[in-house]
Amino acid sequence: MNGRTRCMLTGMTVLGLAITALPQASLAQSDPLAGLWQLNLTKSKYSPGPAPKSLTLYVQGQGQDRKATAVGIDAAGNAISIVFMEVIDDGKPHPVSGLAGVEASASTRVDAYTTNVSYFYGGQIIQTGTIVTSQDGKTLTFTIAGARAGQQMNNTLVYDRQ
């Protein structure tokens, strides 16, 4: 897997997290996702891999005025800096820019702690995932599976609140 593919997979991770950062207005005040998260490489599983060397996610804002910023180092040692703004959590596909191989994403909030996400290319769903924040608010787990750039993937990313 080349550096571009690793970077795109990391971007997908951040995109999924950004999507869950947009709860419905009724959930915004008690949104357990808001804050600073650090990828726990020991608990995370990347298949086919490799994992980034580090990734930190900062989620801020409320409702549809949500921003998620991720910075880190990919597996090849290159800097990662990704910003997602105004992602809408209404279950409908919305355009995605700046992430190769993904044209749109959709998210559906299941409850205050769980969000389902889908990623689209060519009008077809290419990946699906679930983001779950633990009840104690200390851990965020993002599972994603599907095919992208002709390669099957099945990743579990575990983040610790900072």
C-alpha atoms as a PDB file:
ATOM      1  CA  MET A   1       0.000   0.000   0.000  1.00  0.00           C
ATOM      2  CA  ASN A   2       1.472   3.350  -0.973  1.00  0.00           C
ATOM      3  CA  GLY A   3       1.559   6.552   1.094  1.00  0.00           C
ATOM      4  CA  ARG A   4      -1.386   8.060  -0.768  1.00  0.00           C
ATOM      5  CA  THR A   5      -3.607   5.098   0.090  1.00  0.00           C
ATOM      6  CA  ARG A   6      -2.572   5.216   3.763  1.00  0.00           C
ATOM      7  CA  CYS A   7      -3.283   8.929   3.848  1.00  0.00           C
ATOM      8  CA  MET A   8      -6.708   8.355   2.238  1.00  0.00           C
ATOM      9  CA  LEU A   9      -7.549   5.675   4.811  1.00  0.00           C
ATOM     10  CA  THR A  10      -6.570   8.034   7.602  1.00  0.00           C
ATOM     11  CA  GLY A  11      -8.725  10.701   5.970  1.00  0.00           C
ATOM     12  CA  MET A  12     -11.668   8.297   5.915  1.00  0.00           C
ATOM     13  CA  THR A  13     -11.212   7.786   9.626  1.00  0.00           C
ATOM     14  CA  VAL A  14     -11.267  11.488  10.278  1.00  0.00           C
ATOM     15  CA  LEU A  15     -14.261  11.938   7.994  1.00  0.00           C
ATOM     16  CA  GLY A  16     -16.227   9.328   9.882  1.00  0.00           C
ATOM     17  CA  LEU A  17     -15.395  10.997  13.169  1.00  0.00           C
ATOM     18  CA  ALA A  18     -16.314  14.392  11.800  1.00  0.00           C
ATOM     19  CA  ILE A  19     -19.671  13.045  10.694  1.00  0.00           C
ATOM     20  CA  THR A  20     -20.483  11.812  14.173  1.00  0.00           C
ATOM     21  CA  ALA A  21     -19.563  15.199  15.532  1.00  0.00           C
ATOM     22  CA  LEU A  22     -22.869  16.522  14.243  1.00  0.00           C
ATOM     23  CA  PRO A  23     -25.597  15.356  16.573  1.00  0.00           C
ATOM     24  CA  GLN A  24     -29.154  16.528  16.280  1.00  0.00           C
ATOM     25  CA  ALA A  25     -29.840  19.758  18.161  1.00  0.00           C
ATOM     26  CA  SER A  26     -31.409  17.841  21.031  1.00  0.00           C
ATOM     27  CA  LEU A  27     -28.166  15.942  21.566  1.00  0.00           C
ATOM     28  CA  ALA A  28     -25.779  18.878  21.077  1.00  0.00           C
ATOM     29  CA  GLN A  29     -25.608  19.923  24.723  1.00  0.00           C
ATOM     30  CA  SER A  30     -24.709  16.453  25.943  1.00  0.00           C
ATOM     31  CA  ASP A  31     -22.623  15.387  22.944  1.00  0.00           C
ATOM     32  CA  PRO A  32     -20.033  12.937  24.289  1.00  0.00           C
ATOM     33  CA  LEU A  33     -17.935  13.261  21.115  1.00  0.00           C
ATOM     34  CA  ALA A  34     -16.852  16.874  21.584  1.00  0.00           C
ATOM     35  CA  GLY A  35     -13.283  17.331  22.763  1.00  0.00           C
ATOM     36  CA  LEU A  36      -9.764  16.110  22.106  1.00  0.00           C
ATOM     37  CA  TRP A  37      -9.093  12.458  21.152  1.00  0.00           C
ATOM     38  CA  GLN A  38      -5.804  10.575  20.652  1.00  0.00           C
ATOM     39  CA  LEU A  39      -5.619   7.405  18.523  1.00  0.00           C
ATOM     40  CA  ASN A  40      -4.622   4.438  20.694  1.00  0.00           C
ATOM     41  CA  LEU A  41      -2.414   2.436  18.339  1.00  0.00           C
ATOM     42  CA  THR A  42      -2.179  -0.536  20.729  1.00  0.00           C
ATOM     43  CA  LYS A  43      -5.958  -1.065  20.774  1.00  0.00           C
ATOM     44  CA  SER A  44      -6.604  -0.165  17.103  1.00  0.00           C
ATOM     45  CA  LYS A  45      -6.566  -2.691  14.249  1.00  0.00           C
ATOM     46  CA  TYR A  46      -5.889  -1.790  10.623  1.00  0.00           C
ATOM     47  CA  SER A  47      -6.545  -4.417   7.980  1.00  0.00           C
ATOM     48  CA  PRO A  48      -4.783  -4.387   5.599  1.00  0.00           C
ATOM     49  CA  GLY A  49      -2.744  -1.633   7.317  1.00  0.00           C
ATOM     50  CA  PRO A  50      -0.395  -0.105   8.109  1.00  0.00           C
ATOM     51  CA  ALA A  51      -1.680   2.268  10.779  1.00  0.00           C
ATOM     52  CA  PRO A  52      -0.603   5.893  11.035  1.00  0.00           C
ATOM     53  CA  LYS A  53       2.169   6.639  13.539  1.00  0.00           C
ATOM     54  CA  SER A  54      -0.092   9.101  15.356  1.00  0.00           C
ATOM     55  CA  LEU A  55      -3.439  10.843  14.970  1.00  0.00           C
ATOM     56  CA  THR A  56      -5.120  13.428  17.189  1.00  0.00           C
ATOM     57  CA  LEU A  57      -8.706  14.558  16.620  1.00  0.00           C
ATOM     58  CA  TYR A  58     -10.264  17.753  17.973  1.00  0.00           C
ATOM     59  CA  VAL A  59     -14.057  18.077  17.698  1.00  0.00           C
ATOM     60  CA  GLN A  60     -15.656  21.448  18.432  1.00  0.00           C
ATOM     61  CA  GLY A  61     -18.932  23.282  17.816  1.00  0.00           C
ATOM     62  CA  GLN A  62     -22.596  22.273  17.919  1.00  0.00           C
ATOM     63  CA  GLY A  63     -25.280  20.924  15.606  1.00  0.00           C
ATOM     64  CA  GLN A  64     -24.531  21.581  11.953  1.00  0.00           C
ATOM     65  CA  ASP A  65     -21.878  24.140  12.873  1.00  0.00           C
ATOM     66  CA  ARG A  66     -19.412  21.424  13.803  1.00  0.00           C
ATOM     67  CA  LYS A  67     -15.724  21.262  12.955  1.00  0.00           C
ATOM     68  CA  ALA A  68     -13.356  18.311  13.290  1.00  0.00           C
ATOM     69  CA  THR A  69      -9.622  18.728  12.833  1.00  0.00           C
ATOM     70  CA  ALA A  70      -7.129  15.868  12.751  1.00  0.00           C
ATOM     71  CA  VAL A  71      -3.361  16.124  12.784  1.00  0.00           C
ATOM     72  CA  GLY A  72      -0.776  13.399  12.926  1.00  0.00           C
ATOM     73  CA  ILE A  73       1.869  11.380  11.126  1.00  0.00           C
ATOM     74  CA  ASP A  74       1.024   8.682   8.564  1.00  0.00           C
ATOM     75  CA  ALA A  75       2.819   5.321   8.375  1.00  0.00           C
ATOM     76  CA  ALA A  76       5.414   6.724   5.949  1.00  0.00           C
ATOM     77  CA  GLY A  77       6.279   9.592   8.300  1.00  0.00           C
ATOM     78  CA  ASN A  78       4.375  12.301   6.400  1.00  0.00           C
ATOM     79  CA  ALA A  79       2.364  14.966   8.210  1.00  0.00           C
ATOM     80  CA  ILE A  80      -1.434  14.613   8.190  1.00  0.00           C
ATOM     81  CA  SER A  81      -3.666  17.664   8.548  1.00  0.00           C
ATOM     82  CA  ILE A  82      -7.357  17.324   7.707  1.00  0.00           C
ATOM     83  CA  VAL A  83     -10.269  19.658   8.482  1.00  0.00           C
ATOM     84  CA  PHE A  84     -13.953  18.817   8.001  1.00  0.00           C
ATOM     85  CA  MET A  85     -16.615  21.500   8.511  1.00  0.00           C
ATOM     86  CA  GLU A  86     -20.394  21.669   8.218  1.00  0.00           C
ATOM     87  CA  VAL A  87     -21.036  17.934   7.975  1.00  0.00           C
ATOM     88  CA  ILE A  88     -24.787  17.316   8.273  1.00  0.00           C
ATOM     89  CA  ASP A  89     -26.112  14.400  10.337  1.00  0.00           C
ATOM     90  CA  ASP A  90     -29.431  13.784   8.562  1.00  0.00           C
ATOM     91  CA  GLY A  91     -28.915  10.353   6.945  1.00  0.00           C
ATOM     92  CA  LYS A  92     -28.669  11.832   3.437  1.00  0.00           C
ATOM     93  CA  PRO A  93     -25.553  11.852   1.251  1.00  0.00           C
ATOM     94  CA  HIS A  94     -23.676  15.159   1.260  1.00  0.00           C
ATOM     95  CA  PRO A  95     -20.666  16.077  -0.910  1.00  0.00           C
ATOM     96  CA  VAL A  96     -17.186  15.475   0.437  1.00  0.00           C
ATOM     97  CA  SER A  97     -14.203  17.438  -0.826  1.00  0.00           C
ATOM     98  CA  GLY A  98     -10.516  16.909  -0.272  1.00  0.00           C
ATOM     99  CA  LEU A  99     -10.671  13.142   0.139  1.00  0.00           C
ATOM    100  CA  ALA A 100      -9.773  11.100  -2.935  1.00  0.00           C
ATOM    101  CA  GLY A 101     -12.072   8.195  -3.719  1.00  0.00           C
ATOM    102  CA  VAL A 102     -15.038   9.533  -1.736  1.00  0.00           C
ATOM    103  CA  GLU A 103     -17.693  11.791  -3.236  1.00  0.00           C
ATOM    104  CA  ALA A 104     -20.250  11.894  -0.426  1.00  0.00           C
ATOM    105  CA  SER A 105     -20.974  10.709   3.085  1.00  0.00           C
ATOM    106  CA  ALA A 106     -24.119  10.163   5.109  1.00  0.00           C
ATOM    107  CA  SER A 107     -24.598   9.694   8.815  1.00  0.00           C
ATOM    108  CA  THR A 108     -27.484   8.689  11.024  1.00  0.00           C
ATOM    109  CA  ARG A 109     -27.441   9.287  14.750  1.00  0.00           C
ATOM    110  CA  VAL A 110     -28.673   6.138  16.529  1.00  0.00           C
ATOM    111  CA  ASP A 111     -28.491   7.569  20.041  1.00  0.00           C
ATOM    112  CA  ALA A 112     -26.332   9.991  22.039  1.00  0.00           C
ATOM    113  CA  TYR A 113     -23.386   7.581  21.872  1.00  0.00           C
ATOM    114  CA  THR A 114     -23.724   5.864  18.475  1.00  0.00           C
ATOM    115  CA  THR A 115     -23.701   7.026  14.852  1.00  0.00           C
ATOM    116  CA  ASN A 116     -23.828   4.960  11.657  1.00  0.00           C
ATOM    117  CA  VAL A 117     -21.901   6.279   8.656  1.00  0.00           C
ATOM    118  CA  SER A 118     -21.740   5.461   4.931  1.00  0.00           C
ATOM    119  CA  TYR A 119     -19.311   6.637   2.269  1.00  0.00           C
ATOM    120  CA  PHE A 120     -20.205   6.946  -1.423  1.00  0.00           C
ATOM    121  CA  TYR A 121     -18.382   6.900  -4.740  1.00  0.00           C
ATOM    122  CA  GLY A 122     -20.170   6.908  -8.092  1.00  0.00           C
ATOM    123  CA  GLY A 123     -23.518   6.986  -6.309  1.00  0.00           C
ATOM    124  CA  GLN A 124     -22.791   3.638  -4.618  1.00  0.00           C
ATOM    125  CA  ILE A 125     -21.969   2.917  -0.981  1.00  0.00           C
ATOM    126  CA  ILE A 126     -18.349   1.805  -0.797  1.00  0.00           C
ATOM    127  CA  GLN A 127     -17.856   1.689   2.990  1.00  0.00           C
ATOM    128  CA  THR A 128     -19.971   1.615   6.115  1.00  0.00           C
ATOM    129  CA  GLY A 129     -19.082   2.124   9.721  1.00  0.00           C
ATOM    130  CA  THR A 130     -20.195   2.781  13.256  1.00  0.00           C
ATOM    131  CA  ILE A 131     -18.821   5.263  15.758  1.00  0.00           C
ATOM    132  CA  VAL A 132     -19.464   4.599  19.435  1.00  0.00           C
ATOM    133  CA  THR A 133     -18.474   6.778  22.373  1.00  0.00           C
ATOM    134  CA  SER A 134     -18.282   4.907  25.663  1.00  0.00           C
ATOM    135  CA  GLN A 135     -20.823   5.716  28.369  1.00  0.00           C
ATOM    136  CA  ASP A 136     -18.049   7.098  30.596  1.00  0.00           C
ATOM    137  CA  GLY A 137     -16.907   9.378  27.739  1.00  0.00           C
ATOM    138  CA  LYS A 138     -13.298   8.160  27.843  1.00  0.00           C
ATOM    139  CA  THR A 139     -13.166   6.028  24.666  1.00  0.00           C
ATOM    140  CA  LEU A 140     -14.323   6.453  21.091  1.00  0.00           C
ATOM    141  CA  THR A 141     -14.384   3.391  18.796  1.00  0.00           C
ATOM    142  CA  PHE A 142     -14.774   3.699  15.034  1.00  0.00           C
ATOM    143  CA  THR A 143     -15.265   0.536  12.981  1.00  0.00           C
ATOM    144  CA  ILE A 144     -15.311   0.768   9.191  1.00  0.00           C
ATOM    145  CA  ALA A 145     -15.457  -1.867   6.468  1.00  0.00           C
ATOM    146  CA  GLY A 146     -15.756  -1.956   2.698  1.00  0.00           C
ATOM    147  CA  ALA A 147     -13.685  -1.502  -0.417  1.00  0.00           C
ATOM    148  CA  ARG A 148     -11.792   1.569  -1.480  1.00  0.00           C
ATOM    149  CA  ALA A 149      -9.384   2.026  -4.362  1.00  0.00           C
ATOM    150  CA  GLY A 150      -9.920  -1.646  -5.190  1.00  0.00           C
ATOM    151  CA  GLN A 151      -8.789  -2.850  -1.780  1.00  0.00           C
ATOM    152  CA  GLN A 152     -10.933  -4.439   0.917  1.00  0.00           C
ATOM    153  CA  MET A 153     -10.510  -2.982   4.393  1.00  0.00           C
ATOM    154  CA  ASN A 154     -11.822  -3.710   7.872  1.00  0.00           C
ATOM    155  CA  ASN A 155     -10.497  -1.277  10.486  1.00  0.00           C
ATOM    156  CA  THR A 156     -11.198  -0.655  14.146  1.00  0.00           C
ATOM    157  CA  LEU A 157      -9.826   2.628  15.463  1.00  0.00           C
ATOM    158  CA  VAL A 158      -9.856   3.271  19.184  1.00  0.00           C
ATOM    159  CA  TYR A 159      -9.370   6.793  20.515  1.00  0.00           C
ATOM    160  CA  ASP A 160      -8.758   7.902  24.120  1.00  0.00           C
ATOM    161  CA  ARG A 161     -10.106  11.226  25.410  1.00  0.00           C
ATOM    162  CA  GLN A 162      -7.333  13.655  26.311  1.00  0.00           C
END
